[in-house]
C-alpha atoms as a PDB file:
ATOM      1  CA  MET A   1      23.954  26.453-207.049  1.00  0.00           C
ATOM      2  CA  THR A   2      26.208  24.393-209.315  1.00  0.00           C
ATOM      3  CA  THR A   3      28.564  25.895-211.846  1.00  0.00           C
ATOM      4  CA  PRO A   4      27.885  24.809-215.439  1.00  0.00           C
ATOM      5  CA  ASN A   5      30.604  23.036-217.388  1.00  0.00           C
ATOM      6  CA  TYR A   6      31.497  25.714-219.917  1.00  0.00           C
ATOM      7  CA  GLN A   7      33.759  23.417-221.970  1.00  0.00           C
ATOM      8  CA  GLU A   8      30.808  21.149-222.747  1.00  0.00           C
ATOM      9  CA  MET A   9      28.673  24.026-224.030  1.00  0.00           C
ATOM     10  CA  SER A  10      28.631  24.880-227.718  1.00  0.00           C
ATOM     11  CA  ARG A  11      29.747  28.396-228.686  1.00  0.00           C
ATOM     12  CA  PRO A  12      26.142  29.577-229.216  1.00  0.00           C
ATOM     13  CA  GLU A  13      25.076  28.043-225.871  1.00  0.00           C
ATOM     14  CA  LEU A  14      27.975  29.664-224.041  1.00  0.00           C
ATOM     15  CA  LYS A  15      27.252  33.023-225.695  1.00  0.00           C
ATOM     16  CA  ALA A  16      23.597  32.814-224.649  1.00  0.00           C
ATOM     17  CA  TYR A  17      24.661  31.888-221.114  1.00  0.00           C
ATOM     18  CA  ILE A  18      27.030  34.880-220.923  1.00  0.00           C
ATOM     19  CA  LEU A  19      24.315  37.236-222.145  1.00  0.00           C
ATOM     20  CA  GLU A  20      22.110  36.025-219.286  1.00  0.00           C
ATOM     21  CA  HIS A  21      24.931  35.953-216.678  1.00  0.00           C
ATOM     22  CA  ARG A  22      27.029  38.998-217.540  1.00  0.00           C
ATOM     23  CA  ASP A  23      28.898  38.898-214.233  1.00  0.00           C
ATOM     24  CA  ASP A  24      30.239  35.348-214.763  1.00  0.00           C
ATOM     25  CA  LEU A  25      33.869  36.087-215.595  1.00  0.00           C
ATOM     26  CA  GLU A  26      34.866  32.424-215.810  1.00  0.00           C
ATOM     27  CA  ALA A  27      32.296  31.873-218.557  1.00  0.00           C
ATOM     28  CA  MET A  28      33.675  34.890-220.418  1.00  0.00           C
ATOM     29  CA  ARG A  29      37.249  33.615-220.056  1.00  0.00           C
ATOM     30  CA  THR A  30      36.175  30.272-221.504  1.00  0.00           C
ATOM     31  CA  TYR A  31      34.341  31.965-224.374  1.00  0.00           C
ATOM     32  CA  PHE A  32      37.270  34.194-225.341  1.00  0.00           C
ATOM     33  CA  TYR A  33      40.072  31.705-224.663  1.00  0.00           C
ATOM     34  CA  ASP A  34      41.913  30.790-227.844  1.00  0.00           C
ATOM     35  CA  PRO A  35      44.916  28.474-227.466  1.00  0.00           C
ATOM     36  CA  THR A  36      46.154  29.383-230.954  1.00  0.00           C
ATOM     37  CA  VAL A  37      46.767  33.030-230.034  1.00  0.00           C
ATOM     38  CA  GLN A  38      50.429  33.816-229.554  1.00  0.00           C
ATOM     39  CA  TRP A  39      51.098  36.876-227.438  1.00  0.00           C
ATOM     40  CA  GLN A  40      54.099  39.030-228.116  1.00  0.00           C
ATOM     41  CA  VAL A  41      55.187  41.154-225.184  1.00  0.00           C
ATOM     42  CA  MET A  42      56.107  44.635-226.306  1.00  0.00           C
ATOM     43  CA  PRO A  43      58.699  46.772-224.574  1.00  0.00           C
ATOM     44  CA  PRO A  44      57.541  50.006-222.908  1.00  0.00           C
ATOM     45  CA  MET A  45      56.872  52.887-225.299  1.00  0.00           C
ATOM     46  CA  PHE A  46      57.861  55.559-222.755  1.00  0.00           C
ATOM     47  CA  ASP A  47      60.538  55.839-220.097  1.00  0.00           C
ATOM     48  CA  GLU A  48      59.843  56.695-216.452  1.00  0.00           C
ATOM     49  CA  ALA A  49      60.010  60.423-217.246  1.00  0.00           C
ATOM     50  CA  GLY A  50      57.323  60.046-219.907  1.00  0.00           C
ATOM     51  CA  GLN A  51      59.686  60.456-222.844  1.00  0.00           C
ATOM     52  CA  PRO A  52      59.123  58.227-225.893  1.00  0.00           C
ATOM     53  CA  ILE A  53      61.605  55.413-226.444  1.00  0.00           C
ATOM     54  CA  GLU A  54      62.033  55.621-230.214  1.00  0.00           C
ATOM     55  CA  ALA A  55      63.684  52.198-230.640  1.00  0.00           C
ATOM     56  CA  ASN A  56      60.794  50.492-228.840  1.00  0.00           C
ATOM     57  CA  ILE A  57      58.230  52.415-230.866  1.00  0.00           C
ATOM     58  CA  ARG A  58      59.928  51.305-234.103  1.00  0.00           C
ATOM     59  CA  PHE A  59      59.985  47.703-232.796  1.00  0.00           C
ATOM     60  CA  ALA A  60      56.234  47.806-232.080  1.00  0.00           C
ATOM     61  CA  GLU A  61      55.476  49.432-235.439  1.00  0.00           C
ATOM     62  CA  GLU A  62      57.410  46.723-237.261  1.00  0.00           C
ATOM     63  CA  ALA A  63      55.683  43.943-235.307  1.00  0.00           C
ATOM     64  CA  LEU A  64      52.272  45.409-236.163  1.00  0.00           C
ATOM     65  CA  ARG A  65      53.255  45.844-239.804  1.00  0.00           C
ATOM     66  CA  GLN A  66      54.316  42.180-239.992  1.00  0.00           C
ATOM     67  CA  ARG A  67      51.040  41.064-238.394  1.00  0.00           C
ATOM     68  CA  ILE A  68      48.990  43.129-240.851  1.00  0.00           C
ATOM     69  CA  ASP A  69      50.993  41.770-243.785  1.00  0.00           C
ATOM     70  CA  ALA A  70      50.463  38.190-242.577  1.00  0.00           C
ATOM     71  CA  GLU A  71      46.701  38.764-242.257  1.00  0.00           C
ATOM     72  CA  ASP A  72      46.601  40.313-245.735  1.00  0.00           C
ATOM     73  CA  ARG A  73      48.417  37.270-247.180  1.00  0.00           C
ATOM     74  CA  LYS A  74      45.887  34.937-245.514  1.00  0.00           C
ATOM     75  CA  LYS A  75      42.998  36.908-247.020  1.00  0.00           C
ATOM     76  CA  ARG A  76      44.529  36.823-250.497  1.00  0.00           C
ATOM     77  CA  GLN A  77      45.095  33.061-250.263  1.00  0.00           C
ATOM     78  CA  GLY A  78      41.496  32.563-249.180  1.00  0.00           C
ATOM     79  CA  ASP A  79      40.115  34.426-252.204  1.00  0.00           C
END
């Protein structure tokens, strides 16, 4: 059996393929891959003893707040 070329499929074709072949992880990776996504690695929220690391929690909260604000600005510009 040959593997289909997922990059040549349209989004609707690839989605239909995935719905029929739910165990094909490579097809799912191709479908969800987005080269424009920029990952930000967050520091651990808890230490080895399970205690919260307040500075890291504040860092993550601020990063999320900035992301939400940026998305809100995009929505307002699109209106």
